[in-house]
PDB file of N, CA and C in Angstrom:
ATOM      1  N   MET A   1     101.219 107.176  84.098  1.00  0.00           N
ATOM      2  CA  MET A   1     100.363 107.898  84.998  1.00  0.00           C
ATOM      3  C   MET A   1      99.997 109.240  84.383  1.00  0.00           C
ATOM      4  N   ALA A   2      98.817 109.689  84.656  1.00  0.00           N
ATOM      5  CA  ALA A   2      98.306 110.911  84.058  1.00  0.00           C
ATOM      6  C   ALA A   2      98.816 112.171  84.753  1.00  0.00           C
ATOM      7  N   SER A   3      99.320 112.054  85.944  1.00  0.00           N
ATOM      8  CA  SER A   3      99.724 113.210  86.717  1.00  0.00           C
ATOM      9  C   SER A   3     100.975 113.863  86.132  1.00  0.00           C
ATOM     10  N   SER A   4     100.995 115.188  86.168  1.00  0.00           N
ATOM     11  CA  SER A   4     102.122 115.921  85.587  1.00  0.00           C
ATOM     12  C   SER A   4     103.410 115.733  86.394  1.00  0.00           C
ATOM     13  N   SER A   5     103.321 115.435  87.686  1.00  0.00           N
ATOM     14  CA  SER A   5     104.531 115.272  88.480  1.00  0.00           C
ATOM     15  C   SER A   5     105.255 113.963  88.158  1.00  0.00           C
ATOM     16  N   PHE A   6     104.612 113.073  87.408  1.00  0.00           N
ATOM     17  CA  PHE A   6     105.236 111.808  87.022  1.00  0.00           C
ATOM     18  C   PHE A   6     105.699 111.830  85.567  1.00  0.00           C
ATOM     19  N   LYS A   7     105.777 113.012  84.983  1.00  0.00           N
ATOM     20  CA  LYS A   7     106.169 113.124  83.594  1.00  0.00           C
ATOM     21  C   LYS A   7     107.580 112.566  83.387  1.00  0.00           C
ATOM     22  N   GLY A   8     107.720 111.631  82.476  1.00  0.00           N
ATOM     23  CA  GLY A   8     109.012 111.033  82.193  1.00  0.00           C
ATOM     24  C   GLY A   8     109.439 109.968  83.187  1.00  0.00           C
ATOM     25  N   ARG A   9     108.541 109.576  84.077  1.00  0.00           N
ATOM     26  CA  ARG A   9     108.859 108.573  85.096  1.00  0.00           C
ATOM     27  C   ARG A   9     107.945 107.374  84.937  1.00  0.00           C
ATOM     28  N   GLU A  10     108.433 106.247  85.387  1.00  0.00           N
ATOM     29  CA  GLU A  10     107.596 105.053  85.457  1.00  0.00           C
ATOM     30  C   GLU A  10     107.293 104.783  86.918  1.00  0.00           C
ATOM     31  N   ILE A  11     106.107 104.281  87.164  1.00  0.00           N
ATOM     32  CA  ILE A  11     105.709 103.909  88.511  1.00  0.00           C
ATOM     33  C   ILE A  11     105.477 102.401  88.505  1.00  0.00           C
ATOM     34  N   TYR A  12     106.178 101.699  89.369  1.00  0.00           N
ATOM     35  CA  TYR A  12     106.006 100.256  89.494  1.00  0.00           C
ATOM     36  C   TYR A  12     104.984  99.984  90.586  1.00  0.00           C
ATOM     37  N   ILE A  13     104.053  99.091  90.310  1.00  0.00           N
ATOM     38  CA  ILE A  13     103.000  98.744  91.251  1.00  0.00           C
ATOM     39  C   ILE A  13     103.140  97.264  91.602  1.00  0.00           C
ATOM     40  N   GLU A  14     103.043  96.974  92.906  1.00  0.00           N
ATOM     41  CA  GLU A  14     103.135  95.590  93.365  1.00  0.00           C
ATOM     42  C   GLU A  14     101.996  95.315  94.342  1.00  0.00           C
ATOM     43  N   PHE A  15     101.312  94.204  94.145  1.00  0.00           N
ATOM     44  CA  PHE A  15     100.249  93.772  95.054  1.00  0.00           C
ATOM     45  C   PHE A  15     100.704  92.511  95.777  1.00  0.00           C
ATOM     46  N   LYS A  16     100.379  92.428  97.068  1.00  0.00           N
ATOM     47  CA  LYS A  16     100.698  91.240  97.844  1.00  0.00           C
ATOM     48  C   LYS A  16      99.608  91.027  98.886  1.00  0.00           C
ATOM     49  N   GLN A  17      99.070  89.825  98.928  1.00  0.00           N
ATOM     50  CA  GLN A  17      98.058  89.513  99.921  1.00  0.00           C
ATOM     51  C   GLN A  17      98.741  89.052 101.198  1.00  0.00           C
ATOM     52  N   VAL A  18      98.338  89.667 102.314  1.00  0.00           N
ATOM     53  CA  VAL A  18      98.861  89.311 103.630  1.00  0.00           C
ATOM     54  C   VAL A  18      97.646  89.049 104.516  1.00  0.00           C
ATOM     55  N   GLY A  19      97.333  87.776 104.689  1.00  0.00           N
ATOM     56  CA  GLY A  19      96.142  87.428 105.469  1.00  0.00           C
ATOM     57  C   GLY A  19      94.887  87.948 104.799  1.00  0.00           C
ATOM     58  N   GLN A  20      94.111  88.737 105.526  1.00  0.00           N
ATOM     59  CA  GLN A  20      92.876  89.302 104.997  1.00  0.00           C
ATOM     60  C   GLN A  20      93.080  90.673 104.347  1.00  0.00           C
ATOM     61  N   TYR A  21      94.340  91.090 104.214  1.00  0.00           N
ATOM     62  CA  TYR A  21      94.639  92.395 103.640  1.00  0.00           C
ATOM     63  C   TYR A  21      95.371  92.267 102.314  1.00  0.00           C
ATOM     64  N   LEU A  22      95.180  93.274 101.466  1.00  0.00           N
ATOM     65  CA  LEU A  22      95.901  93.372 100.208  1.00  0.00           C
ATOM     66  C   LEU A  22      96.789  94.605 100.308  1.00  0.00           C
ATOM     67  N   ARG A  23      98.086  94.402 100.170  1.00  0.00           N
ATOM     68  CA  ARG A  23      99.048  95.506 100.217  1.00  0.00           C
ATOM     69  C   ARG A  23      99.382  95.924  98.801  1.00  0.00           C
ATOM     70  N   CYS A  24      99.408  97.229  98.570  1.00  0.00           N
ATOM     71  CA  CYS A  24      99.782  97.779  97.269  1.00  0.00           C
ATOM     72  C   CYS A  24     100.957  98.717  97.486  1.00  0.00           C
ATOM     73  N   THR A  25     102.048  98.443  96.793  1.00  0.00           N
ATOM     74  CA  THR A  25     103.245  99.269  96.887  1.00  0.00           C
ATOM     75  C   THR A  25     103.456  99.969  95.556  1.00  0.00           C
ATOM     76  N   ALA A  26     103.707 101.272  95.605  1.00  0.00           N
ATOM     77  CA  ALA A  26     104.017 102.067  94.411  1.00  0.00           C
ATOM     78  C   ALA A  26     105.457 102.548  94.551  1.00  0.00           C
ATOM     79  N   ILE A  27     106.248 102.329  93.492  1.00  0.00           N
ATOM     80  CA  ILE A  27     107.677 102.665  93.522  1.00  0.00           C
ATOM     81  C   ILE A  27     107.994 103.589  92.356  1.00  0.00           C
ATOM     82  N   ASP A  28     108.645 104.709  92.652  1.00  0.00           N
ATOM     83  CA  ASP A  28     109.072 105.646  91.617  1.00  0.00           C
ATOM     84  C   ASP A  28     110.366 105.140  90.991  1.00  0.00           C
ATOM     85  N   SER A  29     110.390 105.047  89.670  1.00  0.00           N
ATOM     86  CA  SER A  29     111.550 104.480  88.980  1.00  0.00           C
ATOM     87  C   SER A  29     112.779 105.381  89.038  1.00  0.00           C
ATOM     88  N   VAL A  30     112.598 106.674  89.185  1.00  0.00           N
ATOM     89  CA  VAL A  30     113.734 107.596  89.176  1.00  0.00           C
ATOM     90  C   VAL A  30     114.383 107.695  90.552  1.00  0.00           C
ATOM     91  N   SER A  31     113.584 107.959  91.577  1.00  0.00           N
ATOM     92  CA  SER A  31     114.146 108.178  92.914  1.00  0.00           C
ATOM     93  C   SER A  31     114.238 106.906  93.747  1.00  0.00           C
ATOM     94  N   GLY A  32     113.460 105.881  93.383  1.00  0.00           N
ATOM     95  CA  GLY A  32     113.435 104.663  94.176  1.00  0.00           C
ATOM     96  C   GLY A  32     112.547 104.779  95.403  1.00  0.00           C
ATOM     97  N   GLN A  33     111.901 105.924  95.564  1.00  0.00           N
ATOM     98  CA  GLN A  33     110.987 106.143  96.700  1.00  0.00           C
ATOM     99  C   GLN A  33     109.800 105.192  96.572  1.00  0.00           C
ATOM    100  N   GLU A  34     109.389 104.605  97.687  1.00  0.00           N
ATOM    101  CA  GLU A  34     108.236 103.717  97.643  1.00  0.00           C
ATOM    102  C   GLU A  34     107.296 104.005  98.801  1.00  0.00           C
ATOM    103  N   VAL A  35     106.025 103.765  98.536  1.00  0.00           N
ATOM    104  CA  VAL A  35     104.981 103.903  99.551  1.00  0.00           C
ATOM    105  C   VAL A  35     104.097 102.668  99.488  1.00  0.00           C
ATOM    106  N   THR A  36     103.460 102.367 100.611  1.00  0.00           N
ATOM    107  CA  THR A  36     102.589 101.201 100.684  1.00  0.00           C
ATOM    108  C   THR A  36     101.268 101.597 101.322  1.00  0.00           C
ATOM    109  N   VAL A  37     100.185 101.074 100.759  1.00  0.00           N
ATOM    110  CA  VAL A  37      98.861 101.214 101.358  1.00  0.00           C
ATOM    111  C   VAL A  37      98.279  99.813 101.465  1.00  0.00           C
ATOM    112  N   ALA A  38      97.328  99.659 102.365  1.00  0.00           N
ATOM    113  CA  ALA A  38      96.709  98.354 102.560  1.00  0.00           C
ATOM    114  C   ALA A  38      95.206  98.521 102.707  1.00  0.00           C
ATOM    115  N   GLY A  39      94.497  97.482 102.313  1.00  0.00           N
ATOM    116  CA  GLY A  39      93.052  97.471 102.447  1.00  0.00           C
ATOM    117  C   GLY A  39      92.567  96.039 102.463  1.00  0.00           C
ATOM    118  N   PRO A  40      91.283  95.851 102.704  1.00  0.00           N
ATOM    119  CA  PRO A  40      90.745  94.497 102.726  1.00  0.00           C
ATOM    120  C   PRO A  40      90.845  93.833 101.351  1.00  0.00           C
ATOM    121  N   VAL A  41      90.968  92.518 101.356  1.00  0.00           N
ATOM    122  CA  VAL A  41      91.078  91.765 100.113  1.00  0.00           C
ATOM    123  C   VAL A  41      89.860  92.002  99.221  1.00  0.00           C
ATOM    124  N   SER A  42      88.727  92.257  99.830  1.00  0.00           N
ATOM    125  CA  SER A  42      87.494  92.455  99.067  1.00  0.00           C
ATOM    126  C   SER A  42      87.481  93.772  98.289  1.00  0.00           C
ATOM    127  N   ARG A  43      88.381  94.680  98.600  1.00  0.00           N
ATOM    128  CA  ARG A  43      88.431  95.978  97.916  1.00  0.00           C
ATOM    129  C   ARG A  43      88.963  95.795  96.495  1.00  0.00           C
ATOM    130  N   ASN A  44      88.481  96.623  95.608  1.00  0.00           N
ATOM    131  CA  ASN A  44      88.942  96.616  94.220  1.00  0.00           C
ATOM    132  C   ASN A  44      90.425  97.021  94.175  1.00  0.00           C
ATOM    133  N   PRO A  45      91.288  96.197  93.581  1.00  0.00           N
ATOM    134  CA  PRO A  45      92.723  96.531  93.527  1.00  0.00           C
ATOM    135  C   PRO A  45      93.007  97.868  92.838  1.00  0.00           C
ATOM    136  N   GLU A  46      92.161  98.272  91.898  1.00  0.00           N
ATOM    137  CA  GLU A  46      92.374  99.552  91.219  1.00  0.00           C
ATOM    138  C   GLU A  46      92.230 100.728  92.190  1.00  0.00           C
ATOM    139  N   GLN A  47      91.353 100.591  93.183  1.00  0.00           N
ATOM    140  CA  GLN A  47      91.206 101.642  94.190  1.00  0.00           C
ATOM    141  C   GLN A  47      92.473 101.762  95.023  1.00  0.00           C
ATOM    142  N   LEU A  48      93.024 100.630  95.427  1.00  0.00           N
ATOM    143  CA  LEU A  48      94.273 100.657  96.194  1.00  0.00           C
ATOM    144  C   LEU A  48      95.414 101.230  95.356  1.00  0.00           C
ATOM    145  N   LYS A  49      95.443 100.878  94.091  1.00  0.00           N
ATOM    146  CA  LYS A  49      96.484 101.382  93.188  1.00  0.00           C
ATOM    147  C   LYS A  49      96.400 102.902  93.087  1.00  0.00           C
ATOM    148  N   ARG A  50      95.185 103.423  92.920  1.00  0.00           N
ATOM    149  CA  ARG A  50      94.980 104.864  92.808  1.00  0.00           C
ATOM    150  C   ARG A  50      95.446 105.583  94.071  1.00  0.00           C
ATOM    151  N   VAL A  51      95.098 105.034  95.234  1.00  0.00           N
ATOM    152  CA  VAL A  51      95.498 105.647  96.507  1.00  0.00           C
ATOM    153  C   VAL A  51      97.018 105.591  96.677  1.00  0.00           C
ATOM    154  N   ALA A  52      97.623 104.478  96.293  1.00  0.00           N
ATOM    155  CA  ALA A  52      99.079 104.342  96.413  1.00  0.00           C
ATOM    156  C   ALA A  52      99.801 105.357  95.526  1.00  0.00           C
ATOM    157  N   VAL A  53      99.308 105.555  94.309  1.00  0.00           N
ATOM    158  CA  VAL A  53      99.936 106.522  93.399  1.00  0.00           C
ATOM    159  C   VAL A  53      99.753 107.942  93.930  1.00  0.00           C
ATOM    160  N   GLN A  54      98.584 108.244  94.472  1.00  0.00           N
ATOM    161  CA  GLN A  54      98.361 109.571  95.061  1.00  0.00           C
ATOM    162  C   GLN A  54      99.284 109.799  96.252  1.00  0.00           C
ATOM    163  N   LYS A  55      99.466 108.773  97.058  1.00  0.00           N
ATOM    164  CA  LYS A  55     100.356 108.869  98.221  1.00  0.00           C
ATOM    165  C   LYS A  55     101.796 109.071  97.767  1.00  0.00           C
ATOM    166  N   LEU A  56     102.218 108.356  96.721  1.00  0.00           N
ATOM    167  CA  LEU A  56     103.566 108.520  96.196  1.00  0.00           C
ATOM    168  C   LEU A  56     103.766 109.929  95.665  1.00  0.00           C
ATOM    169  N   GLU A  57     102.786 110.440  94.958  1.00  0.00           N
ATOM    170  CA  GLU A  57     102.866 111.814  94.439  1.00  0.00           C
ATOM    171  C   GLU A  57     103.015 112.804  95.595  1.00  0.00           C
ATOM    172  N   TYR A  58     102.253 112.611  96.661  1.00  0.00           N
ATOM    173  CA  TYR A  58     102.347 113.485  97.823  1.00  0.00           C
ATOM    174  C   TYR A  58     103.752 113.431  98.437  1.00  0.00           C
ATOM    175  N   VAL A  59     104.283 112.231  98.606  1.00  0.00           N
ATOM    176  CA  VAL A  59     105.609 112.077  99.212  1.00  0.00           C
ATOM    177  C   VAL A  59     106.683 112.718  98.335  1.00  0.00           C
ATOM    178  N   LEU A  60     106.589 112.547  97.021  1.00  0.00           N
ATOM    179  CA  LEU A  60     107.585 113.126  96.122  1.00  0.00           C
ATOM    180  C   LEU A  60     107.508 114.659  96.118  1.00  0.00           C
ATOM    181  N   ASN A  61     106.295 115.203  96.161  1.00  0.00           N
ATOM    182  CA  ASN A  61     106.142 116.666  96.166  1.00  0.00           C
ATOM    183  C   ASN A  61     106.530 117.282  97.504  1.00  0.00           C
ATOM    184  N   LYS A  62     106.409 116.492  98.560  1.00  0.00           N
ATOM    185  CA  LYS A  62     106.766 116.962  99.901  1.00  0.00           C
ATOM    186  C   LYS A  62     108.267 117.234  99.985  1.00  0.00           C
ATOM    187  N   GLY A  63     109.002 116.447  99.227  1.00  0.00           N
ATOM    188  CA  GLY A  63     110.405 116.671  99.060  1.00  0.00           C
ATOM    189  C   GLY A  63     111.326 116.237 100.097  1.00  0.00           C
TER     190      GLY A  63
END
């Protein structure tokens, strides 16, 4: 990830289709913190991935 708050960390990304929705989960390798976002299946998975990583960054910085 390009963000400075993820320096030295790996972010695991998981996609899962649930009905008409696509769930994207981002997991921080160091803390084990995870966040999930969902959107329609028709949405580009890269957009969901970007939002999930931004949400994870927010949660980690919130502390």
